[in-house]
Amino acid sequence: MTIDEALRLIAGTFVLLSVLLGYFVHPGWFLFTGFVALNLMQSAFTRWCPMMTILRKAGLREAR
C-alpha cells in the first residue's frame, strides 16, 4: 500500500466514523468531520499533510 492509498483510507475512515459518532453519540463529533475536511482542503493547496509525514516514518512507500 502506498502513502496516497493509505491517506485516502484513513481520511475516509475518519469521516465515516465521525459522521456515525455525530449521529448516534453526540453532534459535537461533526466538528471532527469539519476538521478532517479543512485538513484535506489545506493539503490540496500546500501539498503537505501531517498524516503523510507519519505514514512516511511508518515505512510506507511513495506512489510512482
PDB file of N, CA and C in Angstrom:
ATOM      1  N   MET A   1       0.849  -1.175   0.000  1.00  0.00           N
ATOM      2  CA  MET A   1       0.000   0.000   0.000  1.00  0.00           C
ATOM      3  C   MET A   1       0.896   1.239   0.000  1.00  0.00           C
ATOM      4  N   THR A   2       0.567   2.195  -0.844  1.00  0.00           N
ATOM      5  CA  THR A   2       1.350   3.428  -0.918  1.00  0.00           C
ATOM      6  C   THR A   2       0.817   4.459   0.082  1.00  0.00           C
ATOM      7  N   ILE A   3       1.571   5.522   0.244  1.00  0.00           N
ATOM      8  CA  ILE A   3       1.160   6.599   1.146  1.00  0.00           C
ATOM      9  C   ILE A   3      -0.165   7.201   0.698  1.00  0.00           C
ATOM     10  N   ASP A   4      -0.327   7.423  -0.608  1.00  0.00           N
ATOM     11  CA  ASP A   4      -1.567   8.026  -1.120  1.00  0.00           C
ATOM     12  C   ASP A   4      -2.780   7.143  -0.831  1.00  0.00           C
ATOM     13  N   GLU A   5      -2.629   5.852  -1.033  1.00  0.00           N
ATOM     14  CA  GLU A   5      -3.746   4.929  -0.774  1.00  0.00           C
ATOM     15  C   GLU A   5      -4.080   4.881   0.717  1.00  0.00           C
ATOM     16  N   ALA A   6      -3.052   4.831   1.549  1.00  0.00           N
ATOM     17  CA  ALA A   6      -3.276   4.800   2.995  1.00  0.00           C
ATOM     18  C   ALA A   6      -3.924   6.096   3.474  1.00  0.00           C
ATOM     19  N   LEU A   7      -3.495   7.216   2.916  1.00  0.00           N
ATOM     20  CA  LEU A   7      -4.057   8.508   3.303  1.00  0.00           C
ATOM     21  C   LEU A   7      -5.543   8.580   2.970  1.00  0.00           C
ATOM     22  N   ARG A   8      -5.916   8.116   1.790  1.00  0.00           N
ATOM     23  CA  ARG A   8      -7.338   8.104   1.408  1.00  0.00           C
ATOM     24  C   ARG A   8      -8.142   7.185   2.315  1.00  0.00           C
ATOM     25  N   LEU A   9      -7.576   6.034   2.655  1.00  0.00           N
ATOM     26  CA  LEU A   9      -8.257   5.092   3.545  1.00  0.00           C
ATOM     27  C   LEU A   9      -8.465   5.698   4.932  1.00  0.00           C
ATOM     28  N   ILE A  10      -7.437   6.338   5.462  1.00  0.00           N
ATOM     29  CA  ILE A  10      -7.529   6.938   6.792  1.00  0.00           C
ATOM     30  C   ILE A  10      -8.515   8.104   6.798  1.00  0.00           C
ATOM     31  N   ALA A  11      -8.446   8.971   5.797  1.00  0.00           N
ATOM     32  CA  ALA A  11      -9.356  10.120   5.732  1.00  0.00           C
ATOM     33  C   ALA A  11     -10.802   9.649   5.609  1.00  0.00           C
ATOM     34  N   GLY A  12     -11.049   8.674   4.755  1.00  0.00           N
ATOM     35  CA  GLY A  12     -12.402   8.148   4.602  1.00  0.00           C
ATOM     36  C   GLY A  12     -12.912   7.505   5.873  1.00  0.00           C
ATOM     37  N   THR A  13     -12.037   6.787   6.558  1.00  0.00           N
ATOM     38  CA  THR A  13     -12.416   6.153   7.824  1.00  0.00           C
ATOM     39  C   THR A  13     -12.747   7.202   8.878  1.00  0.00           C
ATOM     40  N   PHE A  14     -11.915   8.249   8.971  1.00  0.00           N
ATOM     41  CA  PHE A  14     -12.172   9.322   9.936  1.00  0.00           C
ATOM     42  C   PHE A  14     -13.492  10.021   9.651  1.00  0.00           C
ATOM     43  N   VAL A  15     -13.770  10.304   8.388  1.00  0.00           N
ATOM     44  CA  VAL A  15     -15.019  10.984   8.039  1.00  0.00           C
ATOM     45  C   VAL A  15     -16.215  10.096   8.383  1.00  0.00           C
ATOM     46  N   LEU A  16     -16.173   8.846   7.962  1.00  0.00           N
ATOM     47  CA  LEU A  16     -17.287   7.941   8.232  1.00  0.00           C
ATOM     48  C   LEU A  16     -17.492   7.742   9.728  1.00  0.00           C
ATOM     49  N   LEU A  17     -16.411   7.523  10.458  1.00  0.00           N
ATOM     50  CA  LEU A  17     -16.504   7.320  11.900  1.00  0.00           C
ATOM     51  C   LEU A  17     -17.063   8.556  12.608  1.00  0.00           C
ATOM     52  N   SER A  18     -16.599   9.736  12.224  1.00  0.00           N
ATOM     53  CA  SER A  18     -17.069  10.954  12.885  1.00  0.00           C
ATOM     54  C   SER A  18     -18.526  11.255  12.552  1.00  0.00           C
ATOM     55  N   VAL A  19     -18.968  10.928  11.342  1.00  0.00           N
ATOM     56  CA  VAL A  19     -20.381  11.117  10.998  1.00  0.00           C
ATOM     57  C   VAL A  19     -21.246  10.161  11.817  1.00  0.00           C
ATOM     58  N   LEU A  20     -20.819   8.922  11.925  1.00  0.00           N
ATOM     59  CA  LEU A  20     -21.581   7.954  12.722  1.00  0.00           C
ATOM     60  C   LEU A  20     -21.625   8.357  14.193  1.00  0.00           C
ATOM     61  N   LEU A  21     -20.484   8.796  14.730  1.00  0.00           N
ATOM     62  CA  LEU A  21     -20.462   9.251  16.119  1.00  0.00           C
ATOM     63  C   LEU A  21     -21.328  10.497  16.313  1.00  0.00           C
ATOM     64  N   GLY A  22     -21.308  11.405  15.338  1.00  0.00           N
ATOM     65  CA  GLY A  22     -22.132  12.605  15.423  1.00  0.00           C
ATOM     66  C   GLY A  22     -23.612  12.289  15.383  1.00  0.00           C
ATOM     67  N   TYR A  23     -23.978  11.281  14.631  1.00  0.00           N
ATOM     68  CA  TYR A  23     -25.390  10.910  14.510  1.00  0.00           C
ATOM     69  C   TYR A  23     -25.870  10.112  15.717  1.00  0.00           C
ATOM     70  N   PHE A  24     -25.065   9.143  16.154  1.00  0.00           N
ATOM     71  CA  PHE A  24     -25.515   8.228  17.195  1.00  0.00           C
ATOM     72  C   PHE A  24     -25.091   8.613  18.617  1.00  0.00           C
ATOM     73  N   VAL A  25     -24.006   9.377  18.771  1.00  0.00           N
ATOM     74  CA  VAL A  25     -23.495   9.665  20.109  1.00  0.00           C
ATOM     75  C   VAL A  25     -23.744  11.117  20.509  1.00  0.00           C
ATOM     76  N   HIS A  26     -23.133  12.045  19.783  1.00  0.00           N
ATOM     77  CA  HIS A  26     -23.272  13.467  20.127  1.00  0.00           C
ATOM     78  C   HIS A  26     -22.933  14.314  18.898  1.00  0.00           C
ATOM     79  N   PRO A  27     -23.735  15.345  18.627  1.00  0.00           N
ATOM     80  CA  PRO A  27     -23.490  16.182  17.445  1.00  0.00           C
ATOM     81  C   PRO A  27     -22.139  16.894  17.449  1.00  0.00           C
ATOM     82  N   GLY A  28     -21.492  16.992  18.585  1.00  0.00           N
ATOM     83  CA  GLY A  28     -20.181  17.625  18.656  1.00  0.00           C
ATOM     84  C   GLY A  28     -19.133  16.911  17.804  1.00  0.00           C
ATOM     85  N   TRP A  29     -19.365  15.639  17.509  1.00  0.00           N
ATOM     86  CA  TRP A  29     -18.427  14.884  16.672  1.00  0.00           C
ATOM     87  C   TRP A  29     -18.385  15.406  15.244  1.00  0.00           C
ATOM     88  N   PHE A  30     -19.405  16.148  14.823  1.00  0.00           N
ATOM     89  CA  PHE A  30     -19.380  16.720  13.471  1.00  0.00           C
ATOM     90  C   PHE A  30     -18.265  17.756  13.318  1.00  0.00           C
ATOM     91  N   LEU A  31     -17.803  18.311  14.439  1.00  0.00           N
ATOM     92  CA  LEU A  31     -16.656  19.223  14.382  1.00  0.00           C
ATOM     93  C   LEU A  31     -15.405  18.488  13.907  1.00  0.00           C
ATOM     94  N   PHE A  32     -15.268  17.234  14.288  1.00  0.00           N
ATOM     95  CA  PHE A  32     -14.130  16.440  13.818  1.00  0.00           C
ATOM     96  C   PHE A  32     -14.226  16.213  12.314  1.00  0.00           C
ATOM     97  N   THR A  33     -15.446  15.996  11.811  1.00  0.00           N
ATOM     98  CA  THR A  33     -15.644  15.862  10.372  1.00  0.00           C
ATOM     99  C   THR A  33     -15.177  17.132   9.663  1.00  0.00           C
ATOM    100  N   GLY A  34     -15.537  18.279  10.221  1.00  0.00           N
ATOM    101  CA  GLY A  34     -15.103  19.550   9.653  1.00  0.00           C
ATOM    102  C   GLY A  34     -13.597  19.719   9.700  1.00  0.00           C
ATOM    103  N   PHE A  35     -12.972  19.275  10.772  1.00  0.00           N
ATOM    104  CA  PHE A  35     -11.509  19.350  10.885  1.00  0.00           C
ATOM    105  C   PHE A  35     -10.839  18.525   9.793  1.00  0.00           C
ATOM    106  N   VAL A  36     -11.342  17.316   9.561  1.00  0.00           N
ATOM    107  CA  VAL A  36     -10.781  16.467   8.510  1.00  0.00           C
ATOM    108  C   VAL A  36     -10.945  17.141   7.150  1.00  0.00           C
ATOM    109  N   ALA A  37     -12.107  17.733   6.901  1.00  0.00           N
ATOM    110  CA  ALA A  37     -12.360  18.410   5.628  1.00  0.00           C
ATOM    111  C   ALA A  37     -11.407  19.597   5.440  1.00  0.00           C
ATOM    112  N   LEU A  38     -11.226  20.396   6.474  1.00  0.00           N
ATOM    113  CA  LEU A  38     -10.306  21.539   6.382  1.00  0.00           C
ATOM    114  C   LEU A  38      -8.874  21.081   6.139  1.00  0.00           C
ATOM    115  N   ASN A  39      -8.473  19.995   6.786  1.00  0.00           N
ATOM    116  CA  ASN A  39      -7.118  19.480   6.580  1.00  0.00           C
ATOM    117  C   ASN A  39      -6.942  18.979   5.150  1.00  0.00           C
ATOM    118  N   LEU A  40      -7.952  18.329   4.597  1.00  0.00           N
ATOM    119  CA  LEU A  40      -7.873  17.869   3.207  1.00  0.00           C
ATOM    120  C   LEU A  40      -7.784  19.056   2.247  1.00  0.00           C
ATOM    121  N   MET A  41      -8.538  20.117   2.540  1.00  0.00           N
ATOM    122  CA  MET A  41      -8.509  21.299   1.678  1.00  0.00           C
ATOM    123  C   MET A  41      -7.157  22.005   1.737  1.00  0.00           C
ATOM    124  N   GLN A  42      -6.599  22.164   2.941  1.00  0.00           N
ATOM    125  CA  GLN A  42      -5.298  22.839   3.031  1.00  0.00           C
ATOM    126  C   GLN A  42      -4.219  22.001   2.377  1.00  0.00           C
ATOM    127  N   SER A  43      -4.317  20.672   2.459  1.00  0.00           N
ATOM    128  CA  SER A  43      -3.295  19.836   1.831  1.00  0.00           C
ATOM    129  C   SER A  43      -3.374  19.901   0.307  1.00  0.00           C
ATOM    130  N   ALA A  44      -4.538  20.222  -0.229  1.00  0.00           N
ATOM    131  CA  ALA A  44      -4.661  20.376  -1.680  1.00  0.00           C
ATOM    132  C   ALA A  44      -3.867  21.591  -2.168  1.00  0.00           C
ATOM    133  N   PHE A  45      -3.785  22.623  -1.335  1.00  0.00           N
ATOM    134  CA  PHE A  45      -3.068  23.835  -1.725  1.00  0.00           C
ATOM    135  C   PHE A  45      -1.587  23.791  -1.355  1.00  0.00           C
ATOM    136  N   THR A  46      -1.270  23.203  -0.203  1.00  0.00           N
ATOM    137  CA  THR A  46       0.112  23.212   0.266  1.00  0.00           C
ATOM    138  C   THR A  46       0.876  21.953  -0.128  1.00  0.00           C
ATOM    139  N   ARG A  47       0.152  20.931  -0.545  1.00  0.00           N
ATOM    140  CA  ARG A  47       0.739  19.629  -0.898  1.00  0.00           C
ATOM    141  C   ARG A  47       1.490  19.020   0.287  1.00  0.00           C
ATOM    142  N   TRP A  48       1.033  19.330   1.514  1.00  0.00           N
ATOM    143  CA  TRP A  48       1.599  18.766   2.731  1.00  0.00           C
ATOM    144  C   TRP A  48       0.473  18.380   3.670  1.00  0.00           C
ATOM    145  N   CYS A  49       0.589  17.210   4.249  1.00  0.00           N
ATOM    146  CA  CYS A  49      -0.405  16.721   5.187  1.00  0.00           C
ATOM    147  C   CYS A  49       0.339  16.055   6.340  1.00  0.00           C
ATOM    148  N   PRO A  50      -0.027  16.353   7.577  1.00  0.00           N
ATOM    149  CA  PRO A  50       0.663  15.742   8.720  1.00  0.00           C
ATOM    150  C   PRO A  50       0.616  14.211   8.683  1.00  0.00           C
ATOM    151  N   MET A  51      -0.484  13.643   8.240  1.00  0.00           N
ATOM    152  CA  MET A  51      -0.602  12.184   8.197  1.00  0.00           C
ATOM    153  C   MET A  51       0.391  11.577   7.208  1.00  0.00           C
ATOM    154  N   MET A  52       0.696  12.282   6.128  1.00  0.00           N
ATOM    155  CA  MET A  52       1.677  11.767   5.169  1.00  0.00           C
ATOM    156  C   MET A  52       3.054  11.660   5.813  1.00  0.00           C
ATOM    157  N   THR A  53       3.402  12.602   6.660  1.00  0.00           N
ATOM    158  CA  THR A  53       4.670  12.546   7.376  1.00  0.00           C
ATOM    159  C   THR A  53       4.704  11.331   8.301  1.00  0.00           C
ATOM    160  N   ILE A  54       3.608  11.082   8.985  1.00  0.00           N
ATOM    161  CA  ILE A  54       3.509   9.928   9.880  1.00  0.00           C
ATOM    162  C   ILE A  54       3.620   8.628   9.088  1.00  0.00           C
ATOM    163  N   LEU A  55       2.923   8.555   7.958  1.00  0.00           N
ATOM    164  CA  LEU A  55       2.957   7.341   7.146  1.00  0.00           C
ATOM    165  C   LEU A  55       4.339   7.101   6.551  1.00  0.00           C
ATOM    166  N   ARG A  56       5.025   8.172   6.172  1.00  0.00           N
ATOM    167  CA  ARG A  56       6.385   8.049   5.652  1.00  0.00           C
ATOM    168  C   ARG A  56       7.320   7.473   6.718  1.00  0.00           C
ATOM    169  N   LYS A  57       7.190   7.991   7.957  1.00  0.00           N
ATOM    170  CA  LYS A  57       8.025   7.497   9.047  1.00  0.00           C
ATOM    171  C   LYS A  57       7.669   6.056   9.424  1.00  0.00           C
ATOM    172  N   ALA A  58       6.424   5.649   9.130  1.00  0.00           N
ATOM    173  CA  ALA A  58       5.999   4.275   9.401  1.00  0.00           C
ATOM    174  C   ALA A  58       6.528   3.304   8.349  1.00  0.00           C
ATOM    175  N   GLY A  59       7.120   3.838   7.290  1.00  0.00           N
ATOM    176  CA  GLY A  59       7.750   2.988   6.298  1.00  0.00           C
ATOM    177  C   GLY A  59       6.958   2.728   5.036  1.00  0.00           C
ATOM    178  N   LEU A  60       5.848   3.414   4.836  1.00  0.00           N
ATOM    179  CA  LEU A  60       5.101   3.238   3.610  1.00  0.00           C
ATOM    180  C   LEU A  60       5.844   3.890   2.457  1.00  0.00           C
ATOM    181  N   ARG A  61       5.655   3.366   1.274  1.00  0.00           N
ATOM    182  CA  ARG A  61       6.397   3.876   0.121  1.00  0.00           C
ATOM    183  C   ARG A  61       5.579   4.942  -0.617  1.00  0.00           C
ATOM    184  N   GLU A  62       6.298   5.774  -1.334  1.00  0.00           N
ATOM    185  CA  GLU A  62       5.678   6.827  -2.142  1.00  0.00           C
ATOM    186  C   GLU A  62       5.040   6.217  -3.382  1.00  0.00           C
ATOM    187  N   ALA A  63       4.013   6.864  -3.907  1.00  0.00           N
ATOM    188  CA  ALA A  63       3.418   6.437  -5.174  1.00  0.00           C
ATOM    189  C   ALA A  63       4.345   6.843  -6.312  1.00  0.00           C
ATOM    190  N   ARG A  64       4.332   6.076  -7.372  1.00  0.00           N
ATOM    191  CA  ARG A  64       5.216   6.400  -8.505  1.00  0.00           C
ATOM    192  C   ARG A  64       4.614   7.396  -9.419  1.00  0.00           C
TER     193      ARG A  64
END
